[in-house]
Amino acid sequence: MSVWPVSPETARRLEERLAALGVRPADLEESFIRSSGPGGQNVNKVSTCVVLTHKPSGLVVRCQKERSQALNRFWARRLLAEKLEERIQGRASARQMEAEKLRRQKRRRSRRSKQRMLEDKRHHGEVKAGRRAVAD
C-alpha cells in the first residue's frame, strides 16, 4: 500500500522522480502547521499544512493545497521535485513563464505602438469604406 492517498502508480512515479534527483527520505525534514484559507473547522483545528525542507539544497516548500495532511505531504514532495529540477536544469518553470506572459499582456502599450495601432485601424476603415456600394 502507498504511503500517500494516491494511486500506487502515481506514488511510484514520484518516488522514482525523487530518486533520480538524488533526494533521499533522510534528506527531508517535514513539519506541520495550521493552514489558512477555506476548509472550515478542519483547517482551524488540524495542522494540515506541510512544510518540507530539503537539507542539502536548503529548499523549503510549503503546501496547503488540500484539506488532508496526507495529500499535502504528497503535493509538497511533488513541488520539491519540480523546484529541484528547475534548479538543476536552469530553466524557468511553467508557472514562472505563465506569470511573465500575464505581466507582458497587462503592460501598457507604448505611445508609439498605440499610435501605430490606431493608424492601422483608420487605414483599414478607409479600405472598407472604399468597397461600399455607391449610392445614386
Protein backbone atom coordinates (compact mmCIF):
# COMPACT_ATOMS: atom_id res chain seq x y z
CA MET A 1 0.00 0.00 0.00
CA SER A 2 1.14 3.53 -0.80
CA VAL A 3 2.18 5.97 1.92
CA TRP A 4 0.02 8.68 0.34
CA PRO A 5 -3.67 8.54 -0.60
CA VAL A 6 -2.95 8.44 -4.33
CA SER A 7 -2.79 5.56 -6.76
CA PRO A 8 0.23 3.25 -6.33
CA GLU A 9 1.37 4.13 -9.85
CA THR A 10 1.39 7.86 -9.08
CA ALA A 11 3.24 7.30 -5.80
CA ARG A 12 5.81 5.10 -7.55
CA ARG A 13 6.43 7.72 -10.26
CA LEU A 14 7.01 10.38 -7.61
CA GLU A 15 9.42 8.15 -5.68
CA GLU A 16 11.34 7.40 -8.88
CA ARG A 17 11.47 11.08 -9.76
CA LEU A 18 12.86 11.97 -6.33
CA ALA A 19 15.37 9.12 -6.52
CA ALA A 20 16.54 10.32 -9.95
CA LEU A 21 17.14 13.77 -8.43
CA GLY A 22 19.15 12.19 -5.62
CA VAL A 23 16.66 13.02 -2.88
CA ARG A 24 16.68 10.50 -0.05
CA PRO A 25 13.96 10.37 2.61
CA ALA A 26 16.66 11.10 5.22
CA ASP A 27 17.41 14.41 3.44
CA LEU A 28 13.87 15.67 4.00
CA GLU A 29 12.68 17.41 7.14
CA GLU A 30 8.93 17.61 7.48
CA SER A 31 6.92 19.79 9.82
CA PHE A 32 3.22 20.51 10.06
CA ILE A 33 1.48 23.80 10.79
CA ARG A 34 -2.08 25.02 10.65
CA SER A 35 -3.37 26.00 7.24
CA SER A 36 -5.22 29.17 6.41
CA GLY A 37 -8.00 29.94 3.98
CA PRO A 38 -11.00 27.80 3.05
CA GLY A 39 -11.53 24.43 4.66
CA GLY A 40 -13.68 25.30 7.62
CA GLN A 41 -13.16 23.84 11.06
CA ASN A 42 -10.72 21.25 9.72
CA VAL A 43 -8.01 23.78 8.82
CA ASN A 44 -8.57 25.71 12.02
CA LYS A 45 -8.08 22.71 14.31
CA VAL A 46 -5.80 20.31 12.45
CA SER A 47 -2.23 21.01 11.28
CA THR A 48 -2.72 20.13 7.63
CA CYS A 49 -0.15 22.48 6.09
CA VAL A 50 3.12 20.70 5.31
CA VAL A 51 6.50 22.46 5.39
CA LEU A 52 9.11 20.31 3.66
CA THR A 53 12.81 21.19 3.86
CA HIS A 54 15.46 19.58 1.68
CA LYS A 55 18.54 19.84 3.90
CA PRO A 56 21.32 19.53 1.25
CA SER A 57 19.93 22.22 -1.04
CA GLY A 58 18.17 24.33 1.59
CA LEU A 59 14.95 24.41 -0.45
CA VAL A 60 11.79 24.91 1.59
CA VAL A 61 8.36 24.05 0.22
CA ARG A 62 5.06 24.89 1.91
CA CYS A 63 1.88 23.18 0.78
CA GLN A 64 -1.71 23.70 1.94
CA LYS A 65 -3.44 22.77 -1.29
CA GLU A 66 -5.79 20.16 0.19
CA ARG A 67 -7.66 19.70 3.46
CA SER A 68 -5.90 16.38 4.01
CA GLN A 69 -2.44 16.33 5.58
CA ALA A 70 -1.53 13.13 3.73
CA LEU A 71 -2.36 14.65 0.34
CA ASN A 72 -0.46 17.80 1.23
CA ARG A 73 2.60 15.65 2.04
CA PHE A 74 2.38 14.17 -1.47
CA TRP A 75 1.92 17.58 -3.13
CA ALA A 76 4.82 19.07 -1.15
CA ARG A 77 7.16 16.34 -2.41
CA ARG A 78 5.96 16.87 -5.94
CA LEU A 79 6.55 20.63 -5.66
CA LEU A 80 10.02 20.00 -4.21
CA ALA A 81 10.87 17.75 -7.17
CA GLU A 82 9.77 20.49 -9.61
CA LYS A 83 11.87 23.12 -7.85
CA LEU A 84 14.92 20.86 -7.78
CA GLU A 85 14.54 20.09 -11.49
CA GLU A 86 14.30 23.82 -12.24
CA ARG A 87 17.45 24.47 -10.25
CA ILE A 88 19.38 21.59 -11.85
CA GLN A 89 18.28 22.23 -15.43
CA GLY A 90 18.45 26.01 -15.05
CA ARG A 91 15.21 26.68 -16.85
CA ALA A 92 12.16 28.70 -15.91
CA SER A 93 9.18 26.79 -14.59
CA ALA A 94 5.87 26.72 -16.39
CA ARG A 95 4.41 28.76 -13.53
CA GLN A 96 7.07 31.47 -13.89
CA MET A 97 6.62 31.58 -17.66
CA GLU A 98 2.84 31.93 -17.25
CA ALA A 99 3.30 34.78 -14.75
CA GLU A 100 5.71 36.53 -17.13
CA LYS A 101 3.26 36.13 -20.01
CA LEU A 102 0.46 37.68 -17.93
CA ARG A 103 2.74 40.55 -16.92
CA ARG A 104 3.55 41.26 -20.58
CA GLN A 105 -0.14 41.13 -21.54
CA LYS A 106 -1.14 43.60 -18.83
CA ARG A 107 1.68 46.02 -19.55
CA ARG A 108 0.60 49.35 -21.02
CA ARG A 109 1.34 49.92 -24.67
CA SER A 110 3.92 52.50 -25.55
CA ARG A 111 2.63 55.74 -27.03
CA ARG A 112 4.18 54.88 -30.41
CA SER A 113 2.67 51.39 -30.62
CA LYS A 114 -0.76 52.70 -29.66
CA GLN A 115 -0.48 55.42 -32.31
CA ARG A 116 0.58 52.84 -34.92
CA MET A 117 -2.34 50.58 -33.99
CA LEU A 118 -4.82 53.45 -34.37
CA GLU A 119 -3.32 54.39 -37.75
CA ASP A 120 -3.71 50.80 -38.94
CA LYS A 121 -7.34 50.76 -37.81
CA ARG A 122 -8.04 54.05 -39.56
CA HIS A 123 -6.42 52.79 -42.78
CA HIS A 124 -8.40 49.54 -42.63
CA GLY A 125 -11.62 51.55 -42.15
CA GLU A 126 -10.81 53.64 -45.21
CA VAL A 127 -10.18 50.49 -47.27
CA LYS A 128 -13.55 49.08 -46.19
CA ALA A 129 -15.28 52.38 -46.92
CA GLY A 130 -13.88 52.22 -50.47
CA ARG A 131 -15.65 48.90 -51.02
CA ARG A 132 -19.12 50.25 -50.18
CA ALA A 133 -21.73 50.48 -52.90
CA VAL A 134 -22.07 53.93 -54.37
CA ALA A 135 -25.47 55.50 -53.66
CA ASP A 136 -27.22 57.23 -56.64
